[in-house]
Amino acid sequence: MRIRRVMLLTASLIVITLLVATGCMRQQAQQPAQAEKLKVGIVYDVGGRGDLSFNDMAFAGLERAQKEFGDRIETRDLEPTAGGENREELLRLLANEGFDLVFGIGFLFTDSIQRVSQEFSNVKFGLVDGFIPDLTDQSNVADLLFKEHEGSFLVGAAAALKSTANVIGFVGGMKIPLIEKFEVGYIAGARYVKPSIRVLSDYAGTTGEAFRDPVKGKELALAQYDRRADIIYHASGGTGIGVFEAALARKRLAIGVDADQSLTVKEDQRPQILTSMTKRVDVAVFETIKAFVDGTYTGGYRIFGLAEGGVGYAENDYNRNLIADIKGRLEELKQKIIAGEIKVPEDKTQLQTFLQNLPK
C-alpha cells in the first residue's frame, strides 16, 4: 500500500513537471526572438572629436542613426593617436570584434580600408573622401565623396561680394589635391563675381598634423589679414580654430568649413563668421547606416554635390543679416551650377582654363 502511494505520487510529480515544461515552451514560442543588434563603428580622422568640423559632422551622422535605429544598432566611435598611425589597427579591432559596418573618416584611411576590407570580406565599410578604384555594387566598400569645389565656389562668391578691400584669403590644412579642390572652387567663385579680386592662399603643412594645428592656423590667418585680406576661408579641420581666433583679434571676417561653424565656435567669435561651406558628412554617414539597416547597402561610389544637398553654404540666426544682401545672388549661382550652366573647376589646371574664359 505504501509502495503504491509512492508510485502514484511520483507519477503525479512527473505529469506536473511535464505540464509546467510544456507551458514554458509554449510561452517562449509565443514571444518573438530578440533580434541581434547590428554593430556600427567609426574611426575618426586626425584631430578626432571636438574639431568643430569634419570629425564632429561624422559623429552627428552616427548620433542621428543611434537615435533613429537605437533598437536595431549598437554604435562605437574610436579616435586614433595624434598622428593617426594606429588608424588601421583600430579598423581591424572593430572588424575583429564583430562589427558589421565600419567607417573610416578621411582620405588618409584609403590604403588601410583597402587592406582591411580584403581581410574581412563579411564586414561592410564606408570610406569618407577616399577613393579606391574599381569598386562595384557588390564590393564591401562604399566610397562617400563630395563636390567640395561646388560649395567652395559659393562661399568664394560670398567673400568677393562682401569684401571691401578687394583682397580675400584661403587657409588650407594639408597640401593635397583634396584640399586644393576647396581652394580652386573658392578662387573660381570669387573671380567669377569679381574678376579683379586678389586671393591669398597658404597651407598649414604637408602631413596629417596640418589638420590639428590651431597655432599655425592663427599665424597664417594673421599674416593674411595684415596683407589686407578682410575675409578668410579655411579648409583645415581643427587648425581653423586658430583662423577664427585671428578673425576676432583683427575684427575681420572668416568662413568656416564642413559644419555650420558659427553654431559651434565660441560666442564672441560668432559675429566674425560670414558663413560656412557645409559638407554634409553627417548625411553621408547616416544614409549609409540607414541603407545597411534597411538591407539596401551597396558598395561603389556615392557622390554628394549641390544637387544632392551634400554641400552648400550656411545660413542661421547669427549670420542671416550678414548675408541678406547677397543671398539672392548666391542662390542664382547655386541653380546655375546645378543646371550645368557653370562648371566649377576641380584642380589648378581646370581653374586656369576657367579664369581665361571669364568675360573680360
Protein backbone atom coordinates (compact mmCIF):
# COMPACT_ATOMS: atom_id res chain seq x y z
CA MET A 1 0.00 0.00 0.00
CA ARG A 2 2.81 2.39 0.93
CA ILE A 3 4.69 1.49 -2.28
CA ARG A 4 1.60 2.15 -4.37
CA ARG A 5 1.18 5.64 -2.82
CA VAL A 6 4.83 6.46 -3.55
CA MET A 7 4.41 5.33 -7.15
CA LEU A 8 1.24 7.44 -7.57
CA LEU A 9 2.98 10.49 -6.03
CA THR A 10 5.97 10.08 -8.32
CA ALA A 11 3.75 9.75 -11.38
CA SER A 12 1.85 12.90 -10.38
CA LEU A 13 5.07 14.86 -10.00
CA ILE A 14 6.23 13.74 -13.46
CA VAL A 15 2.93 14.83 -15.03
CA ILE A 16 3.06 18.21 -13.28
CA THR A 17 6.66 18.72 -14.38
CA LEU A 18 5.79 17.90 -17.97
CA LEU A 19 2.81 20.26 -17.91
CA VAL A 20 4.93 23.11 -16.49
CA ALA A 21 7.68 22.48 -19.04
CA THR A 22 5.19 22.38 -21.91
CA GLY A 23 3.62 25.64 -20.73
CA CYS A 24 7.04 27.33 -20.57
CA MET A 25 7.90 26.12 -24.05
CA ARG A 26 4.59 27.42 -25.42
CA GLN A 27 5.15 30.79 -23.73
CA GLN A 28 8.66 31.04 -25.17
CA ALA A 29 7.37 30.10 -28.61
CA GLN A 30 4.76 32.86 -28.43
CA GLN A 31 7.41 35.50 -27.59
CA PRO A 32 9.26 36.86 -30.65
CA ALA A 33 13.00 36.19 -30.64
CA GLN A 34 15.11 39.22 -29.75
CA ALA A 35 16.91 40.25 -32.95
CA GLU A 36 20.64 40.69 -32.56
CA LYS A 37 21.66 44.34 -32.97
CA LEU A 38 23.77 45.38 -35.93
CA LYS A 39 27.10 46.85 -34.83
CA VAL A 40 28.27 50.10 -36.43
CA GLY A 41 31.66 51.65 -35.72
CA ILE A 42 33.55 54.80 -36.68
CA VAL A 43 37.25 55.59 -36.60
CA TYR A 44 37.87 59.35 -36.79
CA ASP A 45 40.38 61.29 -38.82
CA VAL A 46 43.38 63.08 -37.30
CA GLY A 47 42.15 65.57 -34.72
CA GLY A 48 39.30 63.35 -33.52
CA ARG A 49 36.11 64.54 -31.89
CA GLY A 50 35.94 68.18 -30.94
CA ASP A 51 37.42 69.64 -34.13
CA LEU A 52 34.11 71.54 -34.62
CA SER A 53 34.30 70.46 -38.24
CA PHE A 54 34.90 67.25 -40.23
CA ASN A 55 35.01 64.65 -37.44
CA ASP A 56 32.18 66.24 -35.48
CA MET A 57 29.98 66.07 -38.59
CA ALA A 58 30.68 62.34 -38.85
CA PHE A 59 29.71 61.90 -35.22
CA ALA A 60 26.49 63.84 -35.84
CA GLY A 61 25.56 61.28 -38.51
CA LEU A 62 26.32 58.40 -36.16
CA GLU A 63 24.37 60.06 -33.34
CA ARG A 64 21.35 60.58 -35.57
CA ALA A 65 21.42 56.92 -36.59
CA GLN A 66 21.66 55.85 -32.94
CA LYS A 67 18.54 57.91 -32.14
CA GLU A 68 16.53 56.64 -35.10
CA PHE A 69 17.65 52.99 -35.07
CA GLY A 70 18.61 52.62 -31.42
CA ASP A 71 16.67 49.40 -31.01
CA ARG A 72 18.40 47.87 -34.02
CA ILE A 73 22.00 49.07 -33.84
CA GLU A 74 24.86 49.29 -31.40
CA THR A 75 27.46 52.00 -32.06
CA ARG A 76 31.04 52.73 -31.10
CA ASP A 77 33.44 55.50 -32.12
CA LEU A 78 37.22 55.50 -31.76
CA GLU A 79 39.91 58.17 -32.04
CA PRO A 80 43.37 57.50 -33.49
CA THR A 81 46.58 58.67 -31.91
CA ALA A 82 47.65 62.26 -32.52
CA GLY A 83 49.40 61.38 -35.78
CA GLY A 84 46.86 58.78 -36.79
CA GLU A 85 49.43 55.97 -37.01
CA ASN A 86 47.08 53.40 -35.48
CA ARG A 87 44.07 54.04 -37.76
CA GLU A 88 44.43 50.64 -39.45
CA GLU A 89 44.80 48.93 -36.11
CA LEU A 90 41.52 50.47 -34.94
CA LEU A 91 39.69 49.41 -38.12
CA ARG A 92 40.93 45.86 -37.64
CA LEU A 93 39.94 45.96 -33.96
CA LEU A 94 36.33 46.77 -34.83
CA ALA A 95 36.24 44.13 -37.58
CA ASN A 96 37.65 41.51 -35.21
CA GLU A 97 35.04 42.41 -32.60
CA GLY A 98 32.25 41.54 -34.99
CA PHE A 99 31.22 45.00 -36.14
CA ASP A 100 29.04 44.78 -39.24
CA LEU A 101 29.65 48.27 -40.70
CA VAL A 102 32.83 50.28 -40.11
CA PHE A 103 33.60 53.84 -41.26
CA GLY A 104 36.99 55.44 -41.84
CA ILE A 105 36.58 59.22 -41.72
CA GLY A 106 39.02 60.84 -44.11
CA PHE A 107 41.12 60.14 -47.21
CA LEU A 108 44.03 59.01 -45.01
CA PHE A 109 42.10 55.78 -44.42
CA THR A 110 42.16 54.79 -48.10
CA ASP A 111 45.05 52.29 -48.04
CA SER A 112 44.05 50.91 -44.63
CA ILE A 113 40.44 50.25 -45.62
CA GLN A 114 41.57 48.69 -48.88
CA ARG A 115 43.66 46.18 -46.92
CA VAL A 116 41.27 45.53 -44.03
CA SER A 117 38.23 45.17 -46.29
CA GLN A 118 40.01 42.36 -48.16
CA GLU A 119 40.80 40.57 -44.90
CA PHE A 120 37.21 40.89 -43.62
CA SER A 121 35.01 40.27 -46.65
CA ASN A 122 31.94 39.79 -44.40
CA VAL A 123 32.25 43.34 -42.99
CA LYS A 124 30.91 46.41 -44.82
CA PHE A 125 32.94 49.63 -44.88
CA GLY A 126 32.25 53.32 -45.50
CA LEU A 127 35.20 55.45 -46.64
CA VAL A 128 34.69 59.22 -46.46
CA ASP A 129 36.74 61.22 -49.00
CA GLY A 130 38.93 58.28 -50.04
CA PHE A 131 38.95 56.71 -53.49
CA ILE A 132 39.54 53.01 -54.09
CA PRO A 133 39.48 52.16 -57.81
CA ASP A 134 37.34 49.51 -59.47
CA LEU A 135 34.67 49.20 -56.78
CA THR A 136 31.29 47.78 -57.81
CA ASP A 137 27.84 47.48 -56.26
CA GLN A 138 28.94 44.09 -54.92
CA SER A 139 32.04 45.46 -53.15
CA ASN A 140 32.08 45.63 -49.37
CA VAL A 141 33.36 49.23 -49.51
CA ALA A 142 31.31 52.34 -50.27
CA ASP A 143 33.34 55.45 -51.15
CA LEU A 144 31.50 58.55 -49.92
CA LEU A 145 32.71 61.50 -51.97
CA PHE A 146 31.78 65.19 -52.15
CA LYS A 147 31.88 68.02 -54.66
CA GLU A 148 33.68 70.36 -52.28
CA HIS A 149 34.56 72.67 -55.17
CA GLU A 150 30.87 73.44 -55.77
CA GLY A 151 30.21 74.54 -52.20
CA SER A 152 33.51 76.42 -52.12
CA PHE A 153 32.51 78.31 -55.28
CA LEU A 154 29.50 79.73 -53.45
CA VAL A 155 31.44 80.87 -50.37
CA GLY A 156 34.14 82.29 -52.67
CA ALA A 157 31.45 84.33 -54.36
CA ALA A 158 30.14 85.40 -50.95
CA ALA A 159 33.60 86.53 -49.85
CA ALA A 160 34.17 88.54 -53.01
CA LEU A 161 30.75 90.17 -52.86
CA LYS A 162 31.27 91.21 -49.22
CA SER A 163 34.93 92.22 -49.46
CA THR A 164 35.64 95.96 -49.32
CA ALA A 165 39.43 95.58 -49.51
CA ASN A 166 39.28 93.53 -52.75
CA VAL A 167 41.61 91.03 -51.04
CA ILE A 168 40.47 87.74 -49.50
CA GLY A 169 42.31 84.69 -48.18
CA PHE A 170 42.34 80.90 -48.02
CA VAL A 171 43.99 78.73 -45.34
CA GLY A 172 44.24 75.04 -46.12
CA GLY A 173 45.29 72.18 -43.88
CA MET A 174 47.42 69.51 -45.55
CA LYS A 175 48.51 70.44 -49.07
CA ILE A 176 46.93 67.64 -51.09
CA PRO A 177 44.61 67.50 -54.13
CA LEU A 178 41.52 67.09 -51.93
CA ILE A 179 42.10 70.37 -50.07
CA GLU A 180 43.15 72.09 -53.29
CA LYS A 181 39.59 71.38 -54.54
CA PHE A 182 38.34 73.70 -51.80
CA GLU A 183 40.89 76.37 -52.76
CA VAL A 184 40.22 76.09 -56.51
CA GLY A 185 36.43 76.32 -56.09
CA TYR A 186 36.83 79.30 -53.75
CA ILE A 187 39.05 81.21 -56.16
CA ALA A 188 36.74 80.38 -59.09
CA GLY A 189 33.67 81.68 -57.25
CA ALA A 190 35.41 84.84 -56.12
CA ARG A 191 36.80 85.67 -59.54
CA TYR A 192 33.52 84.81 -61.27
CA VAL A 193 31.67 87.60 -59.45
CA LYS A 194 34.62 89.98 -59.11
CA PRO A 195 37.40 89.31 -61.66
CA SER A 196 39.73 91.90 -60.12
CA ILE A 197 39.76 90.38 -56.62
CA ARG A 198 43.04 89.11 -55.16
CA VAL A 199 43.10 85.78 -53.31
CA LEU A 200 45.90 84.90 -50.86
CA SER A 201 46.49 81.17 -50.23
CA ASP A 202 48.52 79.33 -47.58
CA TYR A 203 48.68 75.77 -46.25
CA ALA A 204 49.48 74.63 -42.72
CA GLY A 205 51.68 71.70 -43.75
CA THR A 206 52.21 68.53 -45.76
CA THR A 207 51.26 65.89 -43.17
CA GLY A 208 48.09 64.97 -41.28
CA GLU A 209 49.24 67.20 -38.42
CA ALA A 210 48.26 70.17 -40.59
CA PHE A 211 44.63 69.48 -39.65
CA ARG A 212 45.21 69.89 -35.92
CA ASP A 213 47.44 72.93 -35.51
CA PRO A 214 45.42 75.98 -34.36
CA VAL A 215 48.63 77.90 -33.60
CA LYS A 216 49.73 77.61 -37.23
CA GLY A 217 46.23 78.45 -38.40
CA LYS A 218 46.22 81.66 -36.40
CA GLU A 219 49.70 82.58 -37.61
CA LEU A 220 48.75 82.15 -41.27
CA ALA A 221 45.46 84.00 -40.89
CA LEU A 222 47.02 86.95 -39.05
CA ALA A 223 49.59 87.27 -41.82
CA GLN A 224 46.85 87.33 -44.47
CA TYR A 225 44.78 89.85 -42.55
CA ASP A 226 47.88 92.02 -42.22
CA ARG A 227 48.24 91.82 -46.02
CA ARG A 228 44.81 93.49 -46.30
CA ALA A 229 42.59 90.41 -46.59
CA ASP A 230 39.26 91.17 -44.94
CA ILE A 231 37.72 87.67 -45.26
CA ILE A 232 39.45 84.28 -44.94
CA TYR A 233 38.04 80.85 -45.79
CA HIS A 234 39.65 77.86 -44.10
CA ALA A 235 39.59 74.18 -45.04
CA SER A 236 41.84 72.86 -42.32
CA GLY A 237 39.90 70.93 -39.68
CA GLY A 238 40.97 71.81 -36.14
CA THR A 239 43.60 74.21 -37.49
CA GLY A 240 40.72 76.51 -38.39
CA ILE A 241 40.14 77.23 -34.70
CA GLY A 242 43.20 79.46 -34.99
CA VAL A 243 41.75 81.21 -38.03
CA PHE A 244 38.68 82.19 -36.00
CA GLU A 245 40.91 83.47 -33.20
CA ALA A 246 42.76 85.63 -35.73
CA ALA A 247 39.47 86.94 -37.16
CA LEU A 248 38.39 88.03 -33.69
CA ALA A 249 41.77 89.61 -32.97
CA ARG A 250 41.73 91.64 -36.21
CA LYS A 251 37.95 92.22 -36.23
CA ARG A 252 37.74 90.76 -39.73
CA LEU A 253 35.54 88.03 -41.19
CA ALA A 254 36.15 84.30 -41.62
CA ILE A 255 34.35 81.46 -43.41
CA GLY A 256 34.01 78.06 -41.76
CA VAL A 257 34.00 74.62 -43.32
CA ASP A 258 32.21 71.25 -43.13
CA ALA A 259 29.92 72.14 -40.20
CA ASP A 260 27.92 75.34 -39.73
CA GLN A 261 30.72 76.70 -37.60
CA SER A 262 29.05 79.82 -36.28
CA LEU A 263 26.92 77.39 -34.26
CA THR A 264 29.94 75.66 -32.72
CA VAL A 265 32.57 78.35 -32.11
CA LYS A 266 32.92 80.48 -29.00
CA GLU A 267 30.19 83.05 -28.57
CA ASP A 268 32.48 86.05 -29.04
CA GLN A 269 33.69 84.63 -32.39
CA ARG A 270 30.23 84.24 -33.94
CA PRO A 271 29.95 87.81 -35.28
CA GLN A 272 33.17 87.24 -37.26
CA ILE A 273 31.86 84.28 -39.29
CA LEU A 274 30.32 85.31 -42.58
CA THR A 275 29.10 81.79 -43.41
CA SER A 276 30.42 78.21 -43.67
CA MET A 277 30.82 75.83 -46.58
CA THR A 278 28.76 72.93 -45.31
CA LYS A 279 29.99 69.49 -46.27
CA ARG A 280 27.35 67.06 -45.08
CA VAL A 281 29.48 64.21 -43.84
CA ASP A 282 26.69 63.63 -41.33
CA VAL A 283 24.25 62.96 -44.18
CA ALA A 284 26.65 60.56 -45.91
CA VAL A 285 27.27 58.60 -42.71
CA PHE A 286 23.60 58.48 -41.73
CA GLU A 287 22.37 57.48 -45.19
CA THR A 288 24.93 54.68 -45.37
CA ILE A 289 23.86 53.35 -41.97
CA LYS A 290 20.20 53.63 -42.95
CA ALA A 291 20.80 51.65 -46.15
CA PHE A 292 22.64 49.00 -44.16
CA VAL A 293 19.85 48.71 -41.58
CA ASP A 294 17.25 48.55 -44.36
CA GLY A 295 19.24 45.88 -46.20
CA THR A 296 19.89 48.08 -49.25
CA TYR A 297 23.61 48.81 -48.71
CA THR A 298 25.67 48.67 -51.89
CA GLY A 299 29.36 49.15 -52.48
CA GLY A 300 30.86 51.51 -55.05
CA TYR A 301 30.72 55.27 -55.17
CA ARG A 302 28.26 57.82 -53.79
CA ILE A 303 28.85 61.47 -54.68
CA PHE A 304 27.26 64.38 -52.80
CA GLY A 305 27.18 67.78 -54.52
CA LEU A 306 24.88 70.81 -54.58
CA ALA A 307 22.18 68.88 -56.40
CA GLU A 308 22.20 66.15 -53.74
CA GLY A 309 22.30 68.58 -50.82
CA GLY A 310 25.76 67.32 -49.92
CA VAL A 311 27.44 70.73 -49.93
CA GLY A 312 26.24 74.31 -49.62
CA TYR A 313 26.56 77.48 -47.56
CA ALA A 314 25.27 78.07 -44.05
CA GLU A 315 22.57 80.49 -43.01
CA ASN A 316 21.38 80.84 -39.42
CA ASP A 317 20.26 83.41 -36.87
CA TYR A 318 23.85 84.60 -36.35
CA ASN A 319 24.75 85.36 -39.97
CA ARG A 320 21.38 85.90 -41.66
CA ASN A 321 21.73 89.68 -41.64
CA LEU A 322 25.36 89.47 -42.78
CA ILE A 323 24.47 87.65 -46.00
CA ALA A 324 20.96 89.04 -46.59
CA ASP A 325 22.15 91.43 -49.30
CA ILE A 326 23.94 88.71 -51.29
CA LYS A 327 21.72 85.68 -50.72
CA GLY A 328 19.78 86.22 -53.94
CA ARG A 329 22.99 86.18 -55.96
CA LEU A 330 24.25 83.06 -54.18
CA GLU A 331 21.01 81.23 -54.89
CA GLU A 332 21.22 82.24 -58.54
CA LEU A 333 24.76 80.85 -58.78
CA LYS A 334 23.71 77.68 -56.99
CA GLN A 335 20.97 77.00 -59.52
CA LYS A 336 23.33 77.66 -62.42
CA ILE A 337 25.79 75.10 -61.06
CA ILE A 338 23.05 72.51 -60.55
CA ALA A 339 21.77 73.15 -64.08
CA GLY A 340 25.27 72.78 -65.52
CA GLU A 341 25.46 76.37 -66.74
CA ILE A 342 28.52 76.88 -64.53
CA LYS A 343 31.05 74.05 -64.48
CA VAL A 344 33.16 74.59 -61.37
CA PRO A 345 36.85 73.64 -61.78
CA GLU A 346 38.31 70.91 -59.55
CA ASP A 347 42.07 71.43 -59.92
CA LYS A 348 44.60 74.12 -60.79
CA THR A 349 44.70 73.21 -64.48
CA GLN A 350 40.92 73.46 -64.81
CA LEU A 351 40.99 76.70 -62.79
CA GLN A 352 43.40 78.31 -65.23
CA THR A 353 41.12 77.47 -68.15
CA PHE A 354 38.06 78.65 -66.21
CA LEU A 355 39.64 82.03 -65.43
CA GLN A 356 40.83 82.50 -69.01
CA ASN A 357 37.28 82.03 -70.25
CA LEU A 358 35.71 84.56 -67.90
CA PRO A 359 34.28 87.66 -69.57
CA LYS A 360 36.85 90.43 -69.60
